[in-house]
Protein backbone atom coordinates (compact mmCIF):
# COMPACT_ATOMS: atom_id res chain seq x y z
CA UNK A 1 5.26 -2.52 7.38
CA UNK A 2 4.17 0.19 5.84
CA UNK A 3 2.09 2.97 8.13
CA UNK A 4 -1.40 4.16 7.05
CA UNK A 5 -0.63 7.92 7.74
CA UNK A 6 -4.69 8.47 8.13
CA UNK A 7 -3.76 11.53 10.79
CA UNK A 8 -0.87 13.70 11.47
CA UNK A 9 1.45 12.41 14.49
CA UNK A 10 3.96 15.05 16.00
CA UNK A 11 7.16 13.74 17.04
CA UNK A 12 7.78 16.14 20.16
CA UNK A 13 10.90 16.71 21.82
CA UNK A 14 13.87 18.72 21.06
CA UNK A 15 15.59 16.13 19.28
CA UNK A 16 15.25 12.04 18.90
CA UNK A 17 17.88 10.34 20.94
CA UNK A 18 20.05 8.27 17.83
CA UNK A 19 22.80 5.84 19.14
CA UNK A 20 25.28 3.77 17.36
CA UNK A 21 27.66 1.44 18.89
CA UNK A 22 30.31 -0.79 17.37
CA UNK A 23 31.27 -4.14 19.58
CA UNK A 24 33.20 -5.62 16.99
CA UNK A 25 33.76 -5.76 12.87
CA UNK A 26 30.18 -7.53 12.72
CA UNK A 27 28.19 -6.03 15.98
CA UNK A 28 26.40 -3.09 15.69
CA UNK A 29 23.51 -1.39 17.60
CA UNK A 30 21.70 1.67 16.86
CA UNK A 31 18.75 3.16 18.98
CA UNK A 32 15.84 5.56 18.35
CA UNK A 33 13.46 7.31 20.92
CA UNK A 34 11.25 9.65 20.38
CA UNK A 35 8.02 11.04 21.86
CA UNK A 36 4.97 10.79 19.73
CA UNK A 37 1.89 13.12 20.51
CA UNK A 38 -1.34 11.81 18.45
CA UNK A 39 -3.41 14.91 17.80
CA UNK A 40 -6.71 14.96 15.72
CA UNK A 41 -6.18 17.67 13.04
CA UNK A 42 -9.25 19.30 11.20
CA UNK A 43 -7.27 20.62 8.16
CA UNK A 44 -5.75 17.06 6.96
CA UNK A 45 -7.67 15.16 4.18
CA UNK A 46 -9.65 12.59 5.69
CA UNK A 47 -12.02 12.15 2.95
CA UNK A 48 -15.11 12.33 5.04
CA UNK A 49 -17.83 12.39 2.71
CA UNK A 50 -16.93 8.42 2.57
CA UNK A 51 -18.23 7.86 5.79
CA UNK A 52 -20.51 8.09 8.08
CA UNK A 53 -22.75 10.97 9.53
CA UNK A 54 -24.40 11.24 12.89
CA UNK A 55 -27.21 14.41 12.22
CA UNK A 56 -28.72 16.71 15.11
CA UNK A 57 -32.51 17.81 14.77
CA UNK A 58 -31.56 21.22 13.13
CA UNK A 59 -30.49 19.33 9.76
CA UNK A 60 -26.82 20.34 10.20
CA UNK A 61 -24.22 17.80 9.72
CA UNK A 62 -22.30 18.27 13.08
CA UNK A 63 -20.32 14.90 12.92
CA UNK A 64 -18.56 12.36 10.53
CA UNK A 65 -16.35 9.62 11.49
CA UNK A 66 -14.08 6.54 10.23
CA UNK A 67 -13.21 3.44 12.06
CA UNK A 68 -10.00 1.52 12.43
CA UNK A 69 -6.84 4.07 11.13
CA UNK A 70 -3.33 4.02 12.16
CA UNK A 71 -1.06 6.90 13.04
CA UNK A 72 2.39 5.79 12.93
CA UNK A 73 2.89 2.82 14.63
CA UNK A 74 0.00 3.18 16.32
CA UNK A 75 -3.44 0.69 15.40
CA UNK A 76 -6.67 2.19 16.50
CA UNK A 77 -9.07 -0.39 15.84
CA UNK A 78 -13.13 -0.66 15.59
CA UNK A 79 -16.20 -3.00 14.95
CA UNK A 80 -18.01 -2.21 11.80
CA UNK A 81 -21.55 -3.97 10.70
CA UNK A 82 -21.39 -5.59 7.16
CA UNK A 83 -22.46 -2.29 5.62
CA UNK A 84 -19.58 -0.60 7.38
CA UNK A 85 -21.76 1.28 10.25
CA UNK A 86 -19.96 1.82 13.44
CA UNK A 87 -20.90 -0.47 16.13
CA UNK A 88 -17.72 -0.02 18.66
CA UNK A 89 -14.31 0.46 19.35
CA UNK A 90 -12.40 3.87 18.32
CA UNK A 91 -13.70 5.73 15.74
CA UNK A 92 -11.76 8.78 14.34
CA UNK A 93 -14.70 12.08 14.61
CA UNK A 94 -14.96 15.83 14.05
CA UNK A 95 -17.75 18.27 14.31
CA UNK A 96 -18.80 20.93 16.98
CA UNK A 97 -19.16 20.96 20.33
CA UNK A 98 -22.81 21.22 21.84
CA UNK A 99 -24.88 21.99 24.96
CA UNK A 100 -26.67 19.12 26.80
CA UNK A 101 -30.06 20.51 27.27
CA UNK A 102 -32.90 17.94 27.74
CA UNK A 103 -34.60 18.78 24.51
CA UNK A 104 -31.75 18.86 22.41
CA UNK A 105 -31.82 15.31 20.51
CA UNK A 106 -28.65 13.26 21.80
CA UNK A 107 -25.61 12.77 19.90
CA UNK A 108 -23.32 10.11 20.83
CA UNK A 109 -20.30 11.51 19.05
CA UNK A 110 -20.06 15.13 19.78
CA UNK A 111 -17.95 16.42 22.27
CA UNK A 112 -20.12 17.95 25.74
CA UNK A 113 -19.81 21.75 25.96
CA UNK A 114 -20.87 23.60 29.56
CA UNK A 115 -21.56 26.93 27.55
CA UNK A 116 -22.81 26.71 24.24
CA UNK A 117 -22.46 24.83 20.82
CA UNK A 118 -19.56 25.61 19.00
CA UNK A 119 -16.68 24.37 16.73
CA UNK A 120 -13.88 24.31 19.18
CA UNK A 121 -12.39 20.98 18.79
CA UNK A 122 -12.80 20.17 15.22
CA UNK A 123 -11.72 16.67 15.44
CA UNK A 124 -11.14 13.98 18.03
CA UNK A 125 -11.92 10.34 18.70
CA UNK A 126 -14.53 8.36 20.16
CA UNK A 127 -14.41 5.02 22.20
CA UNK A 128 -17.49 3.23 22.44
CA UNK A 129 -17.88 0.19 24.45
CA UNK A 130 -21.00 -2.69 23.69
CA UNK A 131 -21.44 -5.79 24.49
CA UNK A 132 -23.82 -6.61 21.97
CA UNK A 133 -20.89 -7.30 19.31
CA UNK A 134 -17.88 -9.06 19.64
CA UNK A 135 -15.21 -5.96 20.14
CA UNK A 136 -11.78 -5.84 18.64
CA UNK A 137 -9.03 -8.06 20.71
CA UNK A 138 -7.59 -4.03 21.37
CA UNK A 139 -8.55 -1.27 21.62
CA UNK A 140 -5.34 0.37 20.56
CA UNK A 141 -1.96 -1.54 19.45
CA UNK A 142 1.72 -0.45 18.80
CA UNK A 143 3.60 -2.08 16.08
CA UNK A 144 6.88 -3.26 17.81
CA UNK A 145 9.44 -3.99 15.26
CA UNK A 146 11.38 -6.52 17.76
CA UNK A 147 12.07 -8.03 21.23
CA UNK A 148 14.40 -5.42 22.06
CA UNK A 149 12.10 -2.24 20.89
CA UNK A 150 9.38 -1.09 23.44
CA UNK A 151 6.80 1.61 23.66
CA UNK A 152 5.22 3.58 26.88
CA UNK A 153 2.31 5.17 27.35
CA UNK A 154 2.63 8.60 28.81
CA UNK A 155 -0.50 10.53 28.42
CA UNK A 156 -4.48 10.60 26.81
CA UNK A 157 -7.03 13.30 27.60
CA UNK A 158 -10.60 12.48 27.85
CA UNK A 159 -14.02 14.12 27.97
CA UNK A 160 -17.58 12.86 28.01
CA UNK A 161 -19.84 12.95 25.12
CA UNK A 162 -23.14 15.13 24.97
CA UNK A 163 -25.69 12.29 25.31
CA UNK A 164 -23.89 11.23 28.27
CA UNK A 165 -23.95 14.37 30.07
CA UNK A 166 -27.77 14.63 28.88
CA UNK A 167 -28.44 10.67 30.10
CA UNK A 168 -26.64 12.00 33.45
CA UNK A 169 -28.23 15.32 34.43
CA UNK A 170 -31.37 15.14 32.21
CA UNK A 171 -31.96 11.65 32.62
CA UNK A 172 -32.69 11.60 28.88
CA UNK A 173 -33.27 8.07 27.50
CA UNK A 174 -32.69 6.29 30.72
CA UNK A 175 -35.70 4.23 32.28
CA UNK A 176 -34.29 5.42 35.88
CA UNK A 177 -33.86 9.02 35.32
CA UNK A 178 -31.08 11.31 35.91
CA UNK A 179 -28.12 9.94 37.91
CA UNK A 180 -28.16 9.92 41.78
CA UNK A 181 -25.38 9.55 44.28
CA UNK A 182 -23.48 6.11 43.31
CA UNK A 183 -24.19 6.42 39.69
CA UNK A 184 -21.06 6.41 37.48
CA UNK A 185 -19.64 6.11 34.18
CA UNK A 186 -15.94 5.24 34.25
CA UNK A 187 -13.20 4.75 31.89
CA UNK A 188 -10.65 2.07 32.54
CA UNK A 189 -7.03 1.99 30.39
CA UNK A 190 -5.54 -1.45 30.75
CA UNK A 191 -2.06 -1.62 29.64
CA UNK A 192 -1.23 -4.87 27.48
CA UNK A 193 2.56 -6.52 26.78
CA UNK A 194 3.03 -9.81 25.75
CA UNK A 195 -0.69 -10.63 26.29
CA UNK A 196 -0.35 -9.54 30.14
CA UNK A 197 -2.15 -6.56 31.71
CA UNK A 198 0.75 -4.32 33.05
CA UNK A 199 -1.17 -2.04 34.86
CA UNK A 200 -4.78 0.25 34.89
CA UNK A 201 -5.98 3.64 35.34
CA UNK A 202 -9.47 4.44 36.00
CA UNK A 203 -11.16 7.88 35.12
CA UNK A 204 -14.56 8.49 36.48
CA UNK A 205 -16.26 11.04 33.94
CA UNK A 206 -19.43 10.80 35.36
CA UNK A 207 -19.55 10.61 39.67
CA UNK A 208 -23.40 10.96 40.83
CA UNK A 209 -23.88 14.77 39.72
CA UNK A 210 -20.27 15.57 39.32
CA UNK A 211 -18.82 15.10 35.41
CA UNK A 212 -15.92 16.08 33.58
CA UNK A 213 -17.30 19.32 31.43
CA UNK A 214 -14.18 19.89 29.82
CA UNK A 215 -10.81 18.29 28.07
CA UNK A 216 -9.18 16.18 31.12
CA UNK A 217 -5.31 14.82 30.94
CA UNK A 218 -4.82 11.50 32.16
CA UNK A 219 -1.46 10.34 33.66
CA UNK A 220 -0.99 6.82 31.86
CA UNK A 221 2.89 6.44 33.03
CA UNK A 222 1.36 3.79 35.55
CA UNK A 223 0.69 1.30 32.73
CA UNK A 224 4.13 1.09 32.03
CA UNK A 225 5.79 -0.72 28.79
CA UNK A 226 2.77 -1.80 26.40
CA UNK A 227 2.02 -3.32 23.07
CA UNK A 228 -1.44 -2.77 23.30
CA UNK A 229 -3.87 -0.92 25.32
CA UNK A 230 -7.67 -1.89 25.87
CA UNK A 231 -10.25 0.71 26.97
CA UNK A 232 -13.36 -0.18 29.01
CA UNK A 233 -16.63 2.07 29.61
CA UNK A 234 -18.83 0.81 32.59
CA UNK A 235 -21.48 2.18 34.36
CA UNK A 236 -24.14 1.70 37.31
CA UNK A 237 -27.29 2.00 34.99
CA UNK A 238 -27.35 -1.13 32.28
CA UNK A 239 -29.25 1.43 29.80
CA UNK A 240 -26.63 4.42 30.26
CA UNK A 241 -24.78 5.21 26.46
CA UNK A 242 -21.05 3.87 26.79
CA UNK A 243 -19.33 6.72 25.02
CA UNK A 244 -16.44 8.68 25.28
CA UNK A 245 -14.15 11.31 23.36
CA UNK A 246 -10.30 11.04 23.34
CA UNK A 247 -7.24 12.95 22.10
CA UNK A 248 -3.75 13.64 22.46
CA UNK A 249 -2.46 10.27 22.85
CA UNK A 250 1.42 10.46 24.32
CA UNK A 251 3.68 7.52 23.74
CA UNK A 252 7.54 7.15 24.21
CA UNK A 253 8.64 5.10 21.47
CA UNK A 254 11.91 3.27 21.83
CA UNK A 255 13.22 1.09 18.44
CA UNK A 256 16.43 -0.91 18.97
CA UNK A 257 18.13 -2.68 16.31
CA UNK A 258 21.44 -4.87 17.00
């Protein structure tokens, strides 16, 4: 399988482990283990001008995104309409961070910044959950070459989009106004292997009046060995924008050939 390298994949560790053992004239086993960190880089040629754009009211193009892409053995899926418009799933994104004042046009693809709008994040991914369309079978899928090989999820960084903070803090776009105690926006990360759930991790992105205001690292080791990852966003408010930002996704990938 030829992987579509739409983004840079950082292979971490002092060295990958390569083992070979001979058990006879015909038996041979090779094992290759590496840590994969998917970090979204802004200086790679994404051909952004071909894809969708999200605008602020100041007329400046601040976010552009691309959907259905792979990085090495890791595939990220999105639902597109007939015109290629993003409807749900994971999309590659870039653009400046922005504040969440009530008078600002909401962006569901810009990273929230608690101080002021800037360009420090550069590139990342956006996940959108919805029941309005049929979503992809899995949010993320890992190519596993054979039954002996495996992949273990290790880490993911998450953040809020600007529109989510505007909605929760200032009530922008919400019929019931700003969040109260008990209201929430929750991201659930579910590990899948051989079509069965291996574990899950919940992250409260917004909890009442408290919310994630900078990139937050999430330990995914409780998911164990996976060949797919499902993402779910839920909220106590039915009209809440179900979007969040993702970056720095880590995996331990183990290929075995015998």
